[in-house]
Amino acid sequence: MNDDKYLIGSNWHHVKTGKAYHIVLLSTRESDQATLVSYKDSNTASPPIWTRPASEFFDGRFVRLFLGYRFPEDELL
Protein backbone atom coordinates (compact mmCIF):
# COMPACT_ATOMS: atom_id res chain seq x y z
CA MET A 1 0.00 0.00 0.00
CA ASN A 2 1.67 3.22 -1.14
CA ASP A 3 -0.38 5.49 1.14
CA ASP A 4 1.24 4.20 4.35
CA LYS A 5 2.96 7.47 5.20
CA TYR A 6 -0.29 9.40 4.74
CA LEU A 7 -2.51 6.98 6.65
CA ILE A 8 -0.38 6.20 9.71
CA GLY A 9 -1.25 8.79 12.32
CA SER A 10 -4.48 9.83 10.63
CA ASN A 11 -7.76 10.12 12.52
CA TRP A 12 -11.03 8.46 11.56
CA HIS A 13 -14.66 8.61 12.69
CA HIS A 14 -16.47 5.29 13.13
CA VAL A 15 -19.85 5.88 11.51
CA LYS A 16 -21.83 3.39 13.64
CA THR A 17 -20.49 4.33 17.10
CA GLY A 18 -19.50 7.96 16.50
CA LYS A 19 -16.10 7.41 18.14
CA ALA A 20 -12.81 8.78 16.80
CA TYR A 21 -9.89 6.44 16.11
CA HIS A 22 -6.23 6.89 15.22
CA ILE A 23 -4.38 4.61 12.77
CA VAL A 24 -1.29 3.26 14.52
CA LEU A 25 0.10 0.84 11.94
CA LEU A 26 -0.49 -0.79 8.57
CA SER A 27 0.78 -4.35 8.23
CA THR A 28 0.51 -7.41 6.00
CA ARG A 29 -1.04 -10.71 7.07
CA GLU A 30 1.33 -13.49 6.03
CA SER A 31 -1.27 -16.12 5.12
CA ASP A 32 -2.95 -14.14 2.34
CA GLN A 33 -0.93 -10.92 2.00
CA ALA A 34 -3.97 -8.84 3.04
CA THR A 35 -3.26 -5.34 4.33
CA LEU A 36 -4.32 -4.88 7.96
CA VAL A 37 -5.09 -1.63 9.78
CA SER A 38 -4.25 -1.34 13.48
CA TYR A 39 -6.02 1.51 15.24
CA LYS A 40 -6.88 2.81 18.71
CA ASP A 41 -9.30 5.18 20.40
CA SER A 42 -8.14 8.75 19.70
CA ASN A 43 -9.08 9.84 23.21
CA THR A 44 -6.72 7.53 25.09
CA ALA A 45 -2.99 6.84 25.01
CA SER A 46 -3.38 3.28 26.26
CA PRO A 47 -4.52 0.02 24.65
CA PRO A 48 -6.53 -1.70 23.36
CA ILE A 49 -5.34 -1.56 19.80
CA TRP A 50 -7.69 -3.16 17.29
CA THR A 51 -6.80 -4.69 13.92
CA ARG A 52 -9.04 -5.36 10.95
CA PRO A 53 -8.50 -5.93 7.23
CA ALA A 54 -8.09 -2.70 5.25
CA SER A 55 -10.94 -3.88 3.03
CA GLU A 56 -13.26 -3.55 6.06
CA PHE A 57 -11.73 -0.39 7.47
CA PHE A 58 -12.00 1.52 4.21
CA ASP A 59 -15.41 0.20 3.09
CA GLY A 60 -17.34 3.14 4.55
CA ARG A 61 -17.38 2.06 8.20
CA PHE A 62 -14.87 4.82 8.96
CA VAL A 63 -14.68 8.37 7.59
CA ARG A 64 -11.39 10.26 7.66
CA LEU A 65 -11.22 13.31 9.91
CA PHE A 66 -9.24 16.33 8.82
CA LEU A 67 -7.98 19.25 10.87
CA GLY A 68 -10.76 21.79 11.30
CA TYR A 69 -13.56 19.39 10.34
CA ARG A 70 -16.81 19.88 12.23
CA PHE A 71 -19.67 17.42 12.27
CA PRO A 72 -22.99 18.93 11.14
CA GLU A 73 -24.49 18.23 14.59
CA ASP A 74 -21.73 20.41 16.15
CA GLU A 75 -23.26 23.39 14.37
CA LEU A 76 -26.37 22.99 16.52
CA LEU A 77 -24.46 23.64 19.76
PDB file of N, CA and C in Angstrom:
ATOM      1  N   MET A   1       0.860  -1.176   0.000  1.00  0.00           N
ATOM      2  CA  MET A   1       0.000   0.000   0.000  1.00  0.00           C
ATOM      3  C   MET A   1       0.903   1.235   0.000  1.00  0.00           C
ATOM      4  N   ASN A   2       0.795   2.069  -0.988  1.00  0.00           N
ATOM      5  CA  ASN A   2       1.668   3.224  -1.138  1.00  0.00           C
ATOM      6  C   ASN A   2       1.279   4.405  -0.262  1.00  0.00           C
ATOM      7  N   ASP A   3       0.101   4.366   0.336  1.00  0.00           N
ATOM      8  CA  ASP A   3      -0.378   5.487   1.144  1.00  0.00           C
ATOM      9  C   ASP A   3       0.004   5.374   2.606  1.00  0.00           C
ATOM     10  N   ASP A   4       0.884   4.438   2.950  1.00  0.00           N
ATOM     11  CA  ASP A   4       1.241   4.204   4.345  1.00  0.00           C
ATOM     12  C   ASP A   4       1.605   5.482   5.075  1.00  0.00           C
ATOM     13  N   LYS A   5       2.481   6.274   4.499  1.00  0.00           N
ATOM     14  CA  LYS A   5       2.962   7.468   5.204  1.00  0.00           C
ATOM     15  C   LYS A   5       1.868   8.517   5.384  1.00  0.00           C
ATOM     16  N   TYR A   6       0.816   8.445   4.595  1.00  0.00           N
ATOM     17  CA  TYR A   6      -0.286   9.398   4.737  1.00  0.00           C
ATOM     18  C   TYR A   6      -1.383   8.875   5.663  1.00  0.00           C
ATOM     19  N   LEU A   7      -1.459   7.567   5.828  1.00  0.00           N
ATOM     20  CA  LEU A   7      -2.509   6.980   6.646  1.00  0.00           C
ATOM     21  C   LEU A   7      -2.095   6.793   8.101  1.00  0.00           C
ATOM     22  N   ILE A   8      -0.843   6.395   8.337  1.00  0.00           N
ATOM     23  CA  ILE A   8      -0.382   6.200   9.714  1.00  0.00           C
ATOM     24  C   ILE A   8      -0.409   7.546  10.424  1.00  0.00           C
ATOM     25  N   GLY A   9      -1.101   7.560  11.557  1.00  0.00           N
ATOM     26  CA  GLY A   9      -1.248   8.795  12.324  1.00  0.00           C
ATOM     27  C   GLY A   9      -2.509   9.571  11.992  1.00  0.00           C
ATOM     28  N   SER A  10      -3.260   9.102  10.998  1.00  0.00           N
ATOM     29  CA  SER A  10      -4.483   9.827  10.629  1.00  0.00           C
ATOM     30  C   SER A  10      -5.626   9.446  11.567  1.00  0.00           C
ATOM     31  N   ASN A  11      -6.615  10.311  11.633  1.00  0.00           N
ATOM     32  CA  ASN A  11      -7.762  10.121  12.517  1.00  0.00           C
ATOM     33  C   ASN A  11      -9.014   9.828  11.710  1.00  0.00           C
ATOM     34  N   TRP A  12      -9.852   8.943  12.262  1.00  0.00           N
ATOM     35  CA  TRP A  12     -11.034   8.461  11.563  1.00  0.00           C
ATOM     36  C   TRP A  12     -12.227   8.414  12.498  1.00  0.00           C
ATOM     37  N   HIS A  13     -13.393   8.644  11.960  1.00  0.00           N
ATOM     38  CA  HIS A  13     -14.661   8.614  12.687  1.00  0.00           C
ATOM     39  C   HIS A  13     -15.369   7.313  12.340  1.00  0.00           C
ATOM     40  N   HIS A  14     -15.714   6.509  13.363  1.00  0.00           N
ATOM     41  CA  HIS A  14     -16.467   5.287  13.128  1.00  0.00           C
ATOM     42  C   HIS A  14     -17.935   5.661  12.996  1.00  0.00           C
ATOM     43  N   VAL A  15     -18.510   5.421  11.835  1.00  0.00           N
ATOM     44  CA  VAL A  15     -19.855   5.876  11.512  1.00  0.00           C
ATOM     45  C   VAL A  15     -20.899   5.310  12.480  1.00  0.00           C
ATOM     46  N   LYS A  16     -20.816   4.045  12.809  1.00  0.00           N
ATOM     47  CA  LYS A  16     -21.833   3.391  13.637  1.00  0.00           C
ATOM     48  C   LYS A  16     -21.797   3.860  15.091  1.00  0.00           C
ATOM     49  N   THR A  17     -20.592   3.983  15.678  1.00  0.00           N
ATOM     50  CA  THR A  17     -20.489   4.331  17.103  1.00  0.00           C
ATOM     51  C   THR A  17     -20.281   5.817  17.345  1.00  0.00           C
ATOM     52  N   GLY A  18     -19.781   6.536  16.329  1.00  0.00           N
ATOM     53  CA  GLY A  18     -19.501   7.958  16.496  1.00  0.00           C
ATOM     54  C   GLY A  18     -18.179   8.248  17.166  1.00  0.00           C
ATOM     55  N   LYS A  19     -17.393   7.218  17.467  1.00  0.00           N
ATOM     56  CA  LYS A  19     -16.103   7.411  18.141  1.00  0.00           C
ATOM     57  C   LYS A  19     -15.004   7.747  17.134  1.00  0.00           C
ATOM     58  N   ALA A  20     -13.961   8.426  17.631  1.00  0.00           N
ATOM     59  CA  ALA A  20     -12.812   8.779  16.802  1.00  0.00           C
ATOM     60  C   ALA A  20     -11.668   7.799  17.074  1.00  0.00           C
ATOM     61  N   TYR A  21     -11.002   7.382  16.008  1.00  0.00           N
ATOM     62  CA  TYR A  21      -9.892   6.439  16.108  1.00  0.00           C
ATOM     63  C   TYR A  21      -8.681   6.967  15.353  1.00  0.00           C
ATOM     64  N   HIS A  22      -7.524   6.456  15.729  1.00  0.00           N
ATOM     65  CA  HIS A  22      -6.231   6.892  15.219  1.00  0.00           C
ATOM     66  C   HIS A  22      -5.524   5.670  14.636  1.00  0.00           C
ATOM     67  N   ILE A  23      -5.102   5.728  13.374  1.00  0.00           N
ATOM     68  CA  ILE A  23      -4.381   4.605  12.767  1.00  0.00           C
ATOM     69  C   ILE A  23      -2.957   4.585  13.318  1.00  0.00           C
ATOM     70  N   VAL A  24      -2.592   3.441  13.901  1.00  0.00           N
ATOM     71  CA  VAL A  24      -1.287   3.262  14.517  1.00  0.00           C
ATOM     72  C   VAL A  24      -0.309   2.605  13.552  1.00  0.00           C
ATOM     73  N   LEU A  25      -0.793   1.658  12.748  1.00  0.00           N
ATOM     74  CA  LEU A  25       0.101   0.838  11.941  1.00  0.00           C
ATOM     75  C   LEU A  25      -0.656   0.189  10.803  1.00  0.00           C
ATOM     76  N   LEU A  26       0.001   0.038   9.674  1.00  0.00           N
ATOM     77  CA  LEU A  26      -0.486  -0.788   8.573  1.00  0.00           C
ATOM     78  C   LEU A  26       0.470  -1.962   8.469  1.00  0.00           C
ATOM     79  N   SER A  27      -0.069  -3.163   8.305  1.00  0.00           N
ATOM     80  CA  SER A  27       0.778  -4.347   8.226  1.00  0.00           C
ATOM     81  C   SER A  27       0.215  -5.307   7.194  1.00  0.00           C
ATOM     82  N   THR A  28       0.933  -6.401   6.969  1.00  0.00           N
ATOM     83  CA  THR A  28       0.512  -7.407   5.996  1.00  0.00           C
ATOM     84  C   THR A  28       0.361  -8.748   6.690  1.00  0.00           C
ATOM     85  N   ARG A  29      -0.810  -9.374   6.511  1.00  0.00           N
ATOM     86  CA  ARG A  29      -1.043 -10.714   7.072  1.00  0.00           C
ATOM     87  C   ARG A  29      -0.326 -11.724   6.186  1.00  0.00           C
ATOM     88  N   GLU A  30       0.499 -12.557   6.785  1.00  0.00           N
ATOM     89  CA  GLU A  30       1.327 -13.486   6.033  1.00  0.00           C
ATOM     90  C   GLU A  30       0.517 -14.483   5.210  1.00  0.00           C
ATOM     91  N   SER A  31      -0.544 -15.021   5.770  1.00  0.00           N
ATOM     92  CA  SER A  31      -1.268 -16.118   5.118  1.00  0.00           C
ATOM     93  C   SER A  31      -1.868 -15.758   3.763  1.00  0.00           C
ATOM     94  N   ASP A  32      -2.328 -14.513   3.607  1.00  0.00           N
ATOM     95  CA  ASP A  32      -2.954 -14.143   2.338  1.00  0.00           C
ATOM     96  C   ASP A  32      -2.496 -12.791   1.786  1.00  0.00           C
ATOM     97  N   GLN A  33      -1.499 -12.202   2.429  1.00  0.00           N
ATOM     98  CA  GLN A  33      -0.929 -10.921   2.000  1.00  0.00           C
ATOM     99  C   GLN A  33      -1.922  -9.761   2.081  1.00  0.00           C
ATOM    100  N   ALA A  34      -2.986  -9.916   2.876  1.00  0.00           N
ATOM    101  CA  ALA A  34      -3.971  -8.844   3.042  1.00  0.00           C
ATOM    102  C   ALA A  34      -3.377  -7.722   3.889  1.00  0.00           C
ATOM    103  N   THR A  35      -3.688  -6.491   3.541  1.00  0.00           N
ATOM    104  CA  THR A  35      -3.261  -5.342   4.333  1.00  0.00           C
ATOM    105  C   THR A  35      -4.182  -5.229   5.539  1.00  0.00           C
ATOM    106  N   LEU A  36      -3.576  -5.037   6.718  1.00  0.00           N
ATOM    107  CA  LEU A  36      -4.322  -4.884   7.964  1.00  0.00           C
ATOM    108  C   LEU A  36      -4.120  -3.484   8.509  1.00  0.00           C
ATOM    109  N   VAL A  37      -5.145  -2.952   9.148  1.00  0.00           N
ATOM    110  CA  VAL A  37      -5.087  -1.628   9.776  1.00  0.00           C
ATOM    111  C   VAL A  37      -5.182  -1.829  11.280  1.00  0.00           C
ATOM    112  N   SER A  38      -4.206  -1.319  12.019  1.00  0.00           N
ATOM    113  CA  SER A  38      -4.246  -1.338  13.479  1.00  0.00           C
ATOM    114  C   SER A  38      -4.570   0.072  13.934  1.00  0.00           C
ATOM    115  N   TYR A  39      -5.545   0.186  14.837  1.00  0.00           N
ATOM    116  CA  TYR A  39      -6.025   1.505  15.243  1.00  0.00           C
ATOM    117  C   TYR A  39      -6.443   1.491  16.703  1.00  0.00           C
ATOM    118  N   LYS A  40      -6.504   2.691  17.306  1.00  0.00           N
ATOM    119  CA  LYS A  40      -6.885   2.812  18.710  1.00  0.00           C
ATOM    120  C   LYS A  40      -7.791   4.015  18.896  1.00  0.00           C
ATOM    121  N   ASP A  41      -8.435   4.064  20.030  1.00  0.00           N
ATOM    122  CA  ASP A  41      -9.297   5.182  20.397  1.00  0.00           C
ATOM    123  C   ASP A  41      -8.455   6.463  20.427  1.00  0.00           C
ATOM    124  N   SER A  42      -8.893   7.489  19.753  1.00  0.00           N
ATOM    125  CA  SER A  42      -8.136   8.749  19.699  1.00  0.00           C
ATOM    126  C   SER A  42      -8.083   9.463  21.039  1.00  0.00           C
ATOM    127  N   ASN A  43      -8.991   9.127  21.947  1.00  0.00           N
ATOM    128  CA  ASN A  43      -9.083   9.840  23.211  1.00  0.00           C
ATOM    129  C   ASN A  43      -8.304   9.197  24.343  1.00  0.00           C
ATOM    130  N   THR A  44      -7.512   8.176  24.055  1.00  0.00           N
ATOM    131  CA  THR A  44      -6.718   7.534  25.087  1.00  0.00           C
ATOM    132  C   THR A  44      -5.350   7.149  24.546  1.00  0.00           C
ATOM    133  N   ALA A  45      -4.349   7.195  25.406  1.00  0.00           N
ATOM    134  CA  ALA A  45      -2.993   6.840  25.005  1.00  0.00           C
ATOM    135  C   ALA A  45      -2.709   5.357  25.237  1.00  0.00           C
ATOM    136  N   SER A  46      -3.620   4.673  25.907  1.00  0.00           N
ATOM    137  CA  SER A  46      -3.379   3.279  26.264  1.00  0.00           C
ATOM    138  C   SER A  46      -4.173   2.324  25.370  1.00  0.00           C
ATOM    139  N   PRO A  47      -3.790   1.040  25.402  1.00  0.00           N
ATOM    140  CA  PRO A  47      -4.522   0.024  24.648  1.00  0.00           C
ATOM    141  C   PRO A  47      -5.971  -0.039  25.094  1.00  0.00           C
ATOM    142  N   PRO A  48      -6.846  -0.701  24.381  1.00  0.00           N
ATOM    143  CA  PRO A  48      -6.528  -1.696  23.361  1.00  0.00           C
ATOM    144  C   PRO A  48      -6.245  -1.086  21.999  1.00  0.00           C
ATOM    145  N   ILE A  49      -5.552  -1.876  21.204  1.00  0.00           N
ATOM    146  CA  ILE A  49      -5.339  -1.557  19.797  1.00  0.00           C
ATOM    147  C   ILE A  49      -6.069  -2.638  19.011  1.00  0.00           C
ATOM    148  N   TRP A  50      -6.913  -2.231  18.100  1.00  0.00           N
ATOM    149  CA  TRP A  50      -7.688  -3.163  17.287  1.00  0.00           C
ATOM    150  C   TRP A  50      -7.057  -3.299  15.913  1.00  0.00           C
ATOM    151  N   THR A  51      -7.292  -4.438  15.278  1.00  0.00           N
ATOM    152  CA  THR A  51      -6.803  -4.687  13.924  1.00  0.00           C
ATOM    153  C   THR A  51      -7.929  -5.288  13.104  1.00  0.00           C
ATOM    154  N   ARG A  52      -8.072  -4.786  11.894  1.00  0.00           N
ATOM    155  CA  ARG A  52      -9.041  -5.356  10.955  1.00  0.00           C
ATOM    156  C   ARG A  52      -8.473  -5.222   9.548  1.00  0.00           C
ATOM    157  N   PRO A  53      -8.955  -6.039   8.614  1.00  0.00           N
ATOM    158  CA  PRO A  53      -8.497  -5.928   7.226  1.00  0.00           C
ATOM    159  C   PRO A  53      -8.796  -4.526   6.677  1.00  0.00           C
ATOM    160  N   ALA A  54      -7.896  -4.017   5.876  1.00  0.00           N
ATOM    161  CA  ALA A  54      -8.092  -2.703   5.254  1.00  0.00           C
ATOM    162  C   ALA A  54      -9.369  -2.684   4.428  1.00  0.00           C
ATOM    163  N   SER A  55      -9.721  -3.821   3.836  1.00  0.00           N
ATOM    164  CA  SER A  55     -10.943  -3.883   3.027  1.00  0.00           C
ATOM    165  C   SER A  55     -12.175  -3.557   3.867  1.00  0.00           C
ATOM    166  N   GLU A  56     -12.166  -3.900   5.154  1.00  0.00           N
ATOM    167  CA  GLU A  56     -13.261  -3.549   6.055  1.00  0.00           C
ATOM    168  C   GLU A  56     -13.141  -2.111   6.539  1.00  0.00           C
ATOM    169  N   PHE A  57     -11.931  -1.727   6.917  1.00  0.00           N
ATOM    170  CA  PHE A  57     -11.729  -0.390   7.475  1.00  0.00           C
ATOM    171  C   PHE A  57     -12.128   0.696   6.479  1.00  0.00           C
ATOM    172  N   PHE A  58     -11.771   0.496   5.229  1.00  0.00           N
ATOM    173  CA  PHE A  58     -11.998   1.518   4.208  1.00  0.00           C
ATOM    174  C   PHE A  58     -13.270   1.292   3.375  1.00  0.00           C
ATOM    175  N   ASP A  59     -14.184   0.467   3.858  1.00  0.00           N
ATOM    176  CA  ASP A  59     -15.406   0.195   3.090  1.00  0.00           C
ATOM    177  C   ASP A  59     -16.561   1.140   3.421  1.00  0.00           C
ATOM    178  N   GLY A  60     -16.290   2.194   4.186  1.00  0.00           N
ATOM    179  CA  GLY A  60     -17.336   3.143   4.551  1.00  0.00           C
ATOM    180  C   GLY A  60     -17.688   3.107   6.029  1.00  0.00           C
ATOM    181  N   ARG A  61     -17.129   2.139   6.760  1.00  0.00           N
ATOM    182  CA  ARG A  61     -17.383   2.060   8.205  1.00  0.00           C
ATOM    183  C   ARG A  61     -16.721   3.220   8.942  1.00  0.00           C
ATOM    184  N   PHE A  62     -15.623   3.720   8.376  1.00  0.00           N
ATOM    185  CA  PHE A  62     -14.871   4.822   8.957  1.00  0.00           C
ATOM    186  C   PHE A  62     -14.782   5.953   7.944  1.00  0.00           C
ATOM    187  N   VAL A  63     -14.817   7.188   8.433  1.00  0.00           N
ATOM    188  CA  VAL A  63     -14.678   8.374   7.589  1.00  0.00           C
ATOM    189  C   VAL A  63     -13.491   9.156   8.118  1.00  0.00           C
ATOM    190  N   ARG A  64     -12.602   9.550   7.222  1.00  0.00           N
ATOM    191  CA  ARG A  64     -11.393  10.255   7.663  1.00  0.00           C
ATOM    192  C   ARG A  64     -11.717  11.644   8.204  1.00  0.00           C
ATOM    193  N   LEU A  65     -11.068  11.986   9.308  1.00  0.00           N
ATOM    194  CA  LEU A  65     -11.223  13.305   9.915  1.00  0.00           C
ATOM    195  C   LEU A  65     -10.034  14.173   9.532  1.00  0.00           C
ATOM    196  N   PHE A  66     -10.294  15.397   9.180  1.00  0.00           N
ATOM    197  CA  PHE A  66      -9.242  16.333   8.815  1.00  0.00           C
ATOM    198  C   PHE A  66      -9.248  17.497   9.785  1.00  0.00           C
ATOM    199  N   LEU A  67      -8.115  18.117   9.975  1.00  0.00           N
ATOM    200  CA  LEU A  67      -7.977  19.252  10.869  1.00  0.00           C
ATOM    201  C   LEU A  67      -9.012  20.318  10.515  1.00  0.00           C
ATOM    202  N   GLY A  68      -9.758  20.755  11.510  1.00  0.00           N
ATOM    203  CA  GLY A  68     -10.756  21.788  11.297  1.00  0.00           C
ATOM    204  C   GLY A  68     -12.130  21.271  10.917  1.00  0.00           C
ATOM    205  N   TYR A  69     -12.257  19.951  10.725  1.00  0.00           N
ATOM    206  CA  TYR A  69     -13.555  19.394  10.344  1.00  0.00           C
ATOM    207  C   TYR A  69     -14.522  19.489  11.509  1.00  0.00           C
ATOM    208  N   ARG A  70     -15.740  19.858  11.223  1.00  0.00           N
ATOM    209  CA  ARG A  70     -16.811  19.884  12.229  1.00  0.00           C
ATOM    210  C   ARG A  70     -17.955  19.031  11.726  1.00  0.00           C
ATOM    211  N   PHE A  71     -18.499  18.218  12.612  1.00  0.00           N
ATOM    212  CA  PHE A  71     -19.665  17.420  12.268  1.00  0.00           C
ATOM    213  C   PHE A  71     -20.866  18.347  12.170  1.00  0.00           C
ATOM    214  N   PRO A  72     -21.801  18.075  11.282  1.00  0.00           N
ATOM    215  CA  PRO A  72     -22.989  18.927  11.142  1.00  0.00           C
ATOM    216  C   PRO A  72     -23.725  19.122  12.461  1.00  0.00           C
ATOM    217  N   GLU A  73     -23.785  18.092  13.319  1.00  0.00           N
ATOM    218  CA  GLU A  73     -24.488  18.233  14.585  1.00  0.00           C
ATOM    219  C   GLU A  73     -23.780  19.205  15.534  1.00  0.00           C
ATOM    220  N   ASP A  74     -22.468  19.442  15.333  1.00  0.00           N
ATOM    221  CA  ASP A  74     -21.733  20.410  16.147  1.00  0.00           C
ATOM    222  C   ASP A  74     -22.236  21.828  15.906  1.00  0.00           C
ATOM    223  N   GLU A  75     -22.764  22.067  14.726  1.00  0.00           N
ATOM    224  CA  GLU A  75     -23.259  23.395  14.374  1.00  0.00           C
ATOM    225  C   GLU A  75     -24.481  23.776  15.208  1.00  0.00           C
ATOM    226  N   LEU A  76     -25.166  22.764  15.744  1.00  0.00           N
ATOM    227  CA  LEU A  76     -26.369  22.991  16.523  1.00  0.00           C
ATOM    228  C   LEU A  76     -26.065  23.448  17.948  1.00  0.00           C
ATOM    229  N   LEU A  77     -24.825  23.263  18.382  1.00  0.00           N
ATOM    230  CA  LEU A  77     -24.462  23.641  19.757  1.00  0.00           C
ATOM    231  C   LEU A  77     -24.274  25.118  19.928  1.00  0.00           C
TER     232      LEU A  77
END
